[in-house]
C-alpha atoms as a PDB file:
ATOM      1  CA  UNK A   1       0.000   0.000   0.000  1.00  0.00           C
ATOM      2  CA  UNK A   2       1.564   3.335  -1.015  1.00  0.00           C
ATOM      3  CA  UNK A   3       1.980   5.907   1.733  1.00  0.00           C
ATOM      4  CA  UNK A   4      -0.654   8.146   0.221  1.00  0.00           C
ATOM      5  CA  UNK A   5      -3.009   5.189  -0.470  1.00  0.00           C
ATOM      6  CA  UNK A   6      -3.530   4.680   3.267  1.00  0.00           C
ATOM      7  CA  UNK A   7      -4.245   8.390   3.756  1.00  0.00           C
ATOM      8  CA  UNK A   8      -6.492   8.578   0.661  1.00  0.00           C
ATOM      9  CA  UNK A   9      -8.802   5.893   2.096  1.00  0.00           C
ATOM     10  CA  UNK A  10      -9.607   8.172   5.023  1.00  0.00           C
ATOM     11  CA  UNK A  11     -12.360  10.775   4.967  1.00  0.00           C
ATOM     12  CA  UNK A  12     -11.410  14.428   5.638  1.00  0.00           C
ATOM     13  CA  UNK A  13     -12.286  14.237   9.338  1.00  0.00           C
ATOM     14  CA  UNK A  14     -10.055  11.171   9.823  1.00  0.00           C
ATOM     15  CA  UNK A  15      -7.257  12.743   7.763  1.00  0.00           C
ATOM     16  CA  UNK A  16      -7.392  15.842   9.991  1.00  0.00           C
ATOM     17  CA  UNK A  17      -7.372  13.691  13.138  1.00  0.00           C
ATOM     18  CA  UNK A  18      -4.253  11.865  11.980  1.00  0.00           C
ATOM     19  CA  UNK A  19      -2.615  15.029  10.599  1.00  0.00           C
ATOM     20  CA  UNK A  20      -2.944  16.817  13.946  1.00  0.00           C
ATOM     21  CA  UNK A  21      -1.818  13.814  15.949  1.00  0.00           C
ATOM     22  CA  UNK A  22       0.861  12.382  13.644  1.00  0.00           C
ATOM     23  CA  UNK A  23       4.488  13.407  13.928  1.00  0.00           C
ATOM     24  CA  UNK A  24       7.302  13.324  11.422  1.00  0.00           C
ATOM     25  CA  UNK A  25      10.026  10.961  12.573  1.00  0.00           C
ATOM     26  CA  UNK A  26      13.423  10.922  10.868  1.00  0.00           C
ATOM     27  CA  UNK A  27      15.972   8.223  11.588  1.00  0.00           C
ATOM     28  CA  UNK A  28      19.481   7.518  10.354  1.00  0.00           C
ATOM     29  CA  UNK A  29      20.790   4.210   9.041  1.00  0.00           C
ATOM     30  CA  UNK A  30      21.304   1.683  11.880  1.00  0.00           C
ATOM     31  CA  UNK A  31      19.014   3.670  14.209  1.00  0.00           C
ATOM     32  CA  UNK A  32      16.456   1.661  16.190  1.00  0.00           C
ATOM     33  CA  UNK A  33      12.926   3.072  15.815  1.00  0.00           C
ATOM     34  CA  UNK A  34      11.390   0.656  18.301  1.00  0.00           C
ATOM     35  CA  UNK A  35      12.409  -2.597  19.935  1.00  0.00           C
ATOM     36  CA  UNK A  36      10.869  -5.870  21.029  1.00  0.00           C
ATOM     37  CA  UNK A  37       9.126  -5.649  24.362  1.00  0.00           C
ATOM     38  CA  UNK A  38       8.233  -1.970  24.076  1.00  0.00           C
ATOM     39  CA  UNK A  39       4.640  -0.827  24.382  1.00  0.00           C
ATOM     40  CA  UNK A  40       2.991  -0.350  20.977  1.00  0.00           C
ATOM     41  CA  UNK A  41       2.137   3.312  21.409  1.00  0.00           C
ATOM     42  CA  UNK A  42       2.155   4.144  17.688  1.00  0.00           C
ATOM     43  CA  UNK A  43       2.269   2.784  14.155  1.00  0.00           C
ATOM     44  CA  UNK A  44       4.797   4.068  11.633  1.00  0.00           C
ATOM     45  CA  UNK A  45       4.115   4.826   7.990  1.00  0.00           C
ATOM     46  CA  UNK A  46       7.391   4.629   6.050  1.00  0.00           C
ATOM     47  CA  UNK A  47       7.525   7.676   3.785  1.00  0.00           C
ATOM     48  CA  UNK A  48      11.083   7.299   2.486  1.00  0.00           C
ATOM     49  CA  UNK A  49      14.118   5.130   3.043  1.00  0.00           C
ATOM     50  CA  UNK A  50      14.355   1.455   3.913  1.00  0.00           C
ATOM     51  CA  UNK A  51      14.092  -0.240   7.297  1.00  0.00           C
ATOM     52  CA  UNK A  52      13.887  -3.781   8.544  1.00  0.00           C
ATOM     53  CA  UNK A  53      12.113  -5.782  11.208  1.00  0.00           C
ATOM     54  CA  UNK A  54      14.685  -7.788  13.147  1.00  0.00           C
ATOM     55  CA  UNK A  55      14.354 -10.708  15.506  1.00  0.00           C
ATOM     56  CA  UNK A  56      17.002 -10.565  18.223  1.00  0.00           C
ATOM     57  CA  UNK A  57      18.084 -13.706  20.028  1.00  0.00           C
ATOM     58  CA  UNK A  58      21.213 -14.196  22.124  1.00  0.00           C
ATOM     59  CA  UNK A  59      22.428 -10.745  21.094  1.00  0.00           C
ATOM     60  CA  UNK A  60      22.247 -11.587  17.387  1.00  0.00           C
ATOM     61  CA  UNK A  61      19.865  -9.733  15.043  1.00  0.00           C
ATOM     62  CA  UNK A  62      18.199 -11.546  12.149  1.00  0.00           C
ATOM     63  CA  UNK A  63      16.374  -9.645   9.405  1.00  0.00           C
ATOM     64  CA  UNK A  64      12.787 -10.898   9.166  1.00  0.00           C
ATOM     65  CA  UNK A  65      11.490  -8.522   6.501  1.00  0.00           C
ATOM     66  CA  UNK A  66      12.302  -5.200   4.885  1.00  0.00           C
ATOM     67  CA  UNK A  67      10.030  -2.177   5.281  1.00  0.00           C
ATOM     68  CA  UNK A  68       9.954  -0.098   2.070  1.00  0.00           C
ATOM     69  CA  UNK A  69       8.263   3.278   1.584  1.00  0.00           C
ATOM     70  CA  UNK A  70       4.483   3.025   1.748  1.00  0.00           C
ATOM     71  CA  UNK A  71       4.313   0.288   4.352  1.00  0.00           C
ATOM     72  CA  UNK A  72       2.540   0.866   7.637  1.00  0.00           C
ATOM     73  CA  UNK A  73       4.296  -0.993  10.418  1.00  0.00           C
ATOM     74  CA  UNK A  74       3.363  -1.596  14.025  1.00  0.00           C
ATOM     75  CA  UNK A  75      -0.363  -1.404  13.341  1.00  0.00           C
ATOM     76  CA  UNK A  76      -1.020  -5.017  14.371  1.00  0.00           C
ATOM     77  CA  UNK A  77       0.634  -4.520  17.763  1.00  0.00           C
ATOM     78  CA  UNK A  78      -1.442  -1.354  18.239  1.00  0.00           C
ATOM     79  CA  UNK A  79      -4.657  -3.163  17.297  1.00  0.00           C
ATOM     80  CA  UNK A  80      -3.872  -6.088  19.605  1.00  0.00           C
ATOM     81  CA  UNK A  81      -2.671  -3.741  22.371  1.00  0.00           C
ATOM     82  CA  UNK A  82       0.428  -5.895  22.805  1.00  0.00           C
ATOM     83  CA  UNK A  83       4.120  -5.193  23.149  1.00  0.00           C
ATOM     84  CA  UNK A  84       6.361  -5.125  20.094  1.00  0.00           C
ATOM     85  CA  UNK A  85       7.657  -8.537  19.011  1.00  0.00           C
ATOM     86  CA  UNK A  86      10.520  -7.341  16.814  1.00  0.00           C
ATOM     87  CA  UNK A  87      12.991  -4.477  16.494  1.00  0.00           C
ATOM     88  CA  UNK A  88      12.480  -1.886  13.731  1.00  0.00           C
ATOM     89  CA  UNK A  89      15.905  -0.694  12.594  1.00  0.00           C
ATOM     90  CA  UNK A  90      16.681   1.611   9.674  1.00  0.00           C
ATOM     91  CA  UNK A  91      18.757   0.043   6.918  1.00  0.00           C
ATOM     92  CA  UNK A  92      19.207   3.477   5.339  1.00  0.00           C
ATOM     93  CA  UNK A  93      18.212   6.996   6.375  1.00  0.00           C
ATOM     94  CA  UNK A  94      14.410   6.960   6.642  1.00  0.00           C
ATOM     95  CA  UNK A  95      11.440   9.203   7.282  1.00  0.00           C
ATOM     96  CA  UNK A  96       8.246   7.966   8.936  1.00  0.00           C
ATOM     97  CA  UNK A  97       4.903   9.395   9.837  1.00  0.00           C
ATOM     98  CA  UNK A  98       4.361   8.343  13.464  1.00  0.00           C
ATOM     99  CA  UNK A  99       0.642   7.779  14.116  1.00  0.00           C
ATOM    100  CA  UNK A 100      -0.362   7.531  17.773  1.00  0.00           C
ATOM    101  CA  UNK A 101      -2.147   4.354  18.865  1.00  0.00           C
ATOM    102  CA  UNK A 102      -5.247   6.168  20.161  1.00  0.00           C
ATOM    103  CA  UNK A 103      -5.695   8.105  16.923  1.00  0.00           C
ATOM    104  CA  UNK A 104      -5.091   5.088  14.701  1.00  0.00           C
ATOM    105  CA  UNK A 105      -7.579   2.988  16.665  1.00  0.00           C
ATOM    106  CA  UNK A 106     -10.175   5.755  16.461  1.00  0.00           C
ATOM    107  CA  UNK A 107      -9.872   5.852  12.671  1.00  0.00           C
ATOM    108  CA  UNK A 108     -10.001   2.050  12.354  1.00  0.00           C
ATOM    109  CA  UNK A 109     -12.973   1.702  14.692  1.00  0.00           C
ATOM    110  CA  UNK A 110     -14.973   4.366  12.834  1.00  0.00           C
ATOM    111  CA  UNK A 111     -14.348   3.306   9.244  1.00  0.00           C
ATOM    112  CA  UNK A 112     -14.971  -0.231   7.995  1.00  0.00           C
ATOM    113  CA  UNK A 113     -13.207   0.569   4.709  1.00  0.00           C
ATOM    114  CA  UNK A 114      -9.981   1.487   6.518  1.00  0.00           C
ATOM    115  CA  UNK A 115     -10.295  -1.552   8.799  1.00  0.00           C
ATOM    116  CA  UNK A 116     -10.788  -3.803   5.765  1.00  0.00           C
ATOM    117  CA  UNK A 117      -7.803  -2.267   3.985  1.00  0.00           C
ATOM    118  CA  UNK A 118      -5.577  -2.798   7.023  1.00  0.00           C
ATOM    119  CA  UNK A 119      -6.890  -6.345   7.413  1.00  0.00           C
ATOM    120  CA  UNK A 120      -5.940  -7.088   3.802  1.00  0.00           C
ATOM    121  CA  UNK A 121      -2.506  -5.571   4.320  1.00  0.00           C
ATOM    122  CA  UNK A 122      -1.850  -7.567   7.506  1.00  0.00           C
ATOM    123  CA  UNK A 123      -3.241 -10.702   5.847  1.00  0.00           C
ATOM    124  CA  UNK A 124      -0.840 -10.226   2.941  1.00  0.00           C
ATOM    125  CA  UNK A 125       2.113  -9.894   5.293  1.00  0.00           C
ATOM    126  CA  UNK A 126       1.044 -13.015   7.204  1.00  0.00           C
ATOM    127  CA  UNK A 127       0.680 -14.949   3.929  1.00  0.00           C
ATOM    128  CA  UNK A 128       4.183 -13.826   2.923  1.00  0.00           C
ATOM    129  CA  UNK A 129       5.538 -14.927   6.311  1.00  0.00           C
ATOM    130  CA  UNK A 130       3.824 -18.320   5.966  1.00  0.00           C
ATOM    131  CA  UNK A 131       5.434 -18.791   2.549  1.00  0.00           C
ATOM    132  CA  UNK A 132       8.854 -17.915   3.960  1.00  0.00           C
ATOM    133  CA  UNK A 133       8.417 -20.330   6.873  1.00  0.00           C
ATOM    134  CA  UNK A 134       7.303 -23.072   4.499  1.00  0.00           C
ATOM    135  CA  UNK A 135      10.398 -22.507   2.352  1.00  0.00           C
ATOM    136  CA  UNK A 136      12.608 -22.561   5.467  1.00  0.00           C
ATOM    137  CA  UNK A 137      11.046 -25.832   6.596  1.00  0.00           C
ATOM    138  CA  UNK A 138      11.590 -27.387   3.154  1.00  0.00           C
ATOM    139  CA  UNK A 139      15.219 -26.230   3.285  1.00  0.00           C
ATOM    140  CA  UNK A 140      15.658 -27.796   6.741  1.00  0.00           C
ATOM    141  CA  UNK A 141      13.938 -31.067   5.725  1.00  0.00           C
ATOM    142  CA  UNK A 142      16.308 -31.365   2.738  1.00  0.00           C
ATOM    143  CA  UNK A 143      19.138 -31.278   5.274  1.00  0.00           C
ATOM    144  CA  UNK A 144      17.567 -33.899   7.544  1.00  0.00           C
ATOM    145  CA  UNK A 145      15.917 -31.635  10.121  1.00  0.00           C
ATOM    146  CA  UNK A 146      12.142 -31.464  10.405  1.00  0.00           C
ATOM    147  CA  UNK A 147      11.050 -28.995  13.028  1.00  0.00           C
ATOM    148  CA  UNK A 148       7.481 -30.283  12.778  1.00  0.00           C
ATOM    149  CA  UNK A 149       8.683 -33.466  14.497  1.00  0.00           C
ATOM    150  CA  UNK A 150       9.849 -31.539  17.552  1.00  0.00           C
ATOM    151  CA  UNK A 151       7.576 -30.962  20.504  1.00  0.00           C
ATOM    152  CA  UNK A 152       6.454 -27.374  20.896  1.00  0.00           C
ATOM    153  CA  UNK A 153       9.119 -25.408  22.799  1.00  0.00           C
ATOM    154  CA  UNK A 154       6.318 -23.546  24.566  1.00  0.00           C
ATOM    155  CA  UNK A 155       4.682 -26.754  25.761  1.00  0.00           C
ATOM    156  CA  UNK A 156       8.041 -28.175  26.778  1.00  0.00           C
ATOM    157  CA  UNK A 157       8.889 -25.084  28.774  1.00  0.00           C
ATOM    158  CA  UNK A 158       5.563 -25.297  30.578  1.00  0.00           C
ATOM    159  CA  UNK A 159       6.040 -28.970  31.338  1.00  0.00           C
ATOM    160  CA  UNK A 160       9.773 -28.716  32.093  1.00  0.00           C
ATOM    161  CA  UNK A 161      10.683 -31.165  29.313  1.00  0.00           C
ATOM    162  CA  UNK A 162      13.621 -31.112  26.934  1.00  0.00           C
ATOM    163  CA  UNK A 163      13.249 -30.934  23.153  1.00  0.00           C
ATOM    164  CA  UNK A 164      13.504 -34.210  21.274  1.00  0.00           C
ATOM    165  CA  UNK A 165      16.082 -34.112  18.507  1.00  0.00           C
ATOM    166  CA  UNK A 166      15.800 -36.342  15.424  1.00  0.00           C
END
């Protein structure tokens, strides 16, 4: 969705609400915009530049997906009222429109068209993630590792069990 496509789907009242509440946010390459565990107090519309969502484990960052201009990021965490799951780090100098959680939720709750558009966008990102995970699993299976055969790490942690290895 282009940056202006999200804004164009809003009526004038909603555009004004977001315009008065939104803030320009500039960030340099390698700058962290938000990190895992933080409260989702806003969504970010990438206006220019390139950023990435990173999963950090044991001090090592892994790129999950790139965030090009036009992509709204952080909206799902705002909608779910949950903490951030990943770090958003700029790959190159970037400019965002920072939309406060309260204002974004007000627009979504009052306009089915906007809610539907965001649902399609999130659905597309989830479909892309599913495809990537499927490809990763196929890659692992080719090398003799099938993660589907392992017990759930979450269940094991709850039950105090160790993972079974093939």
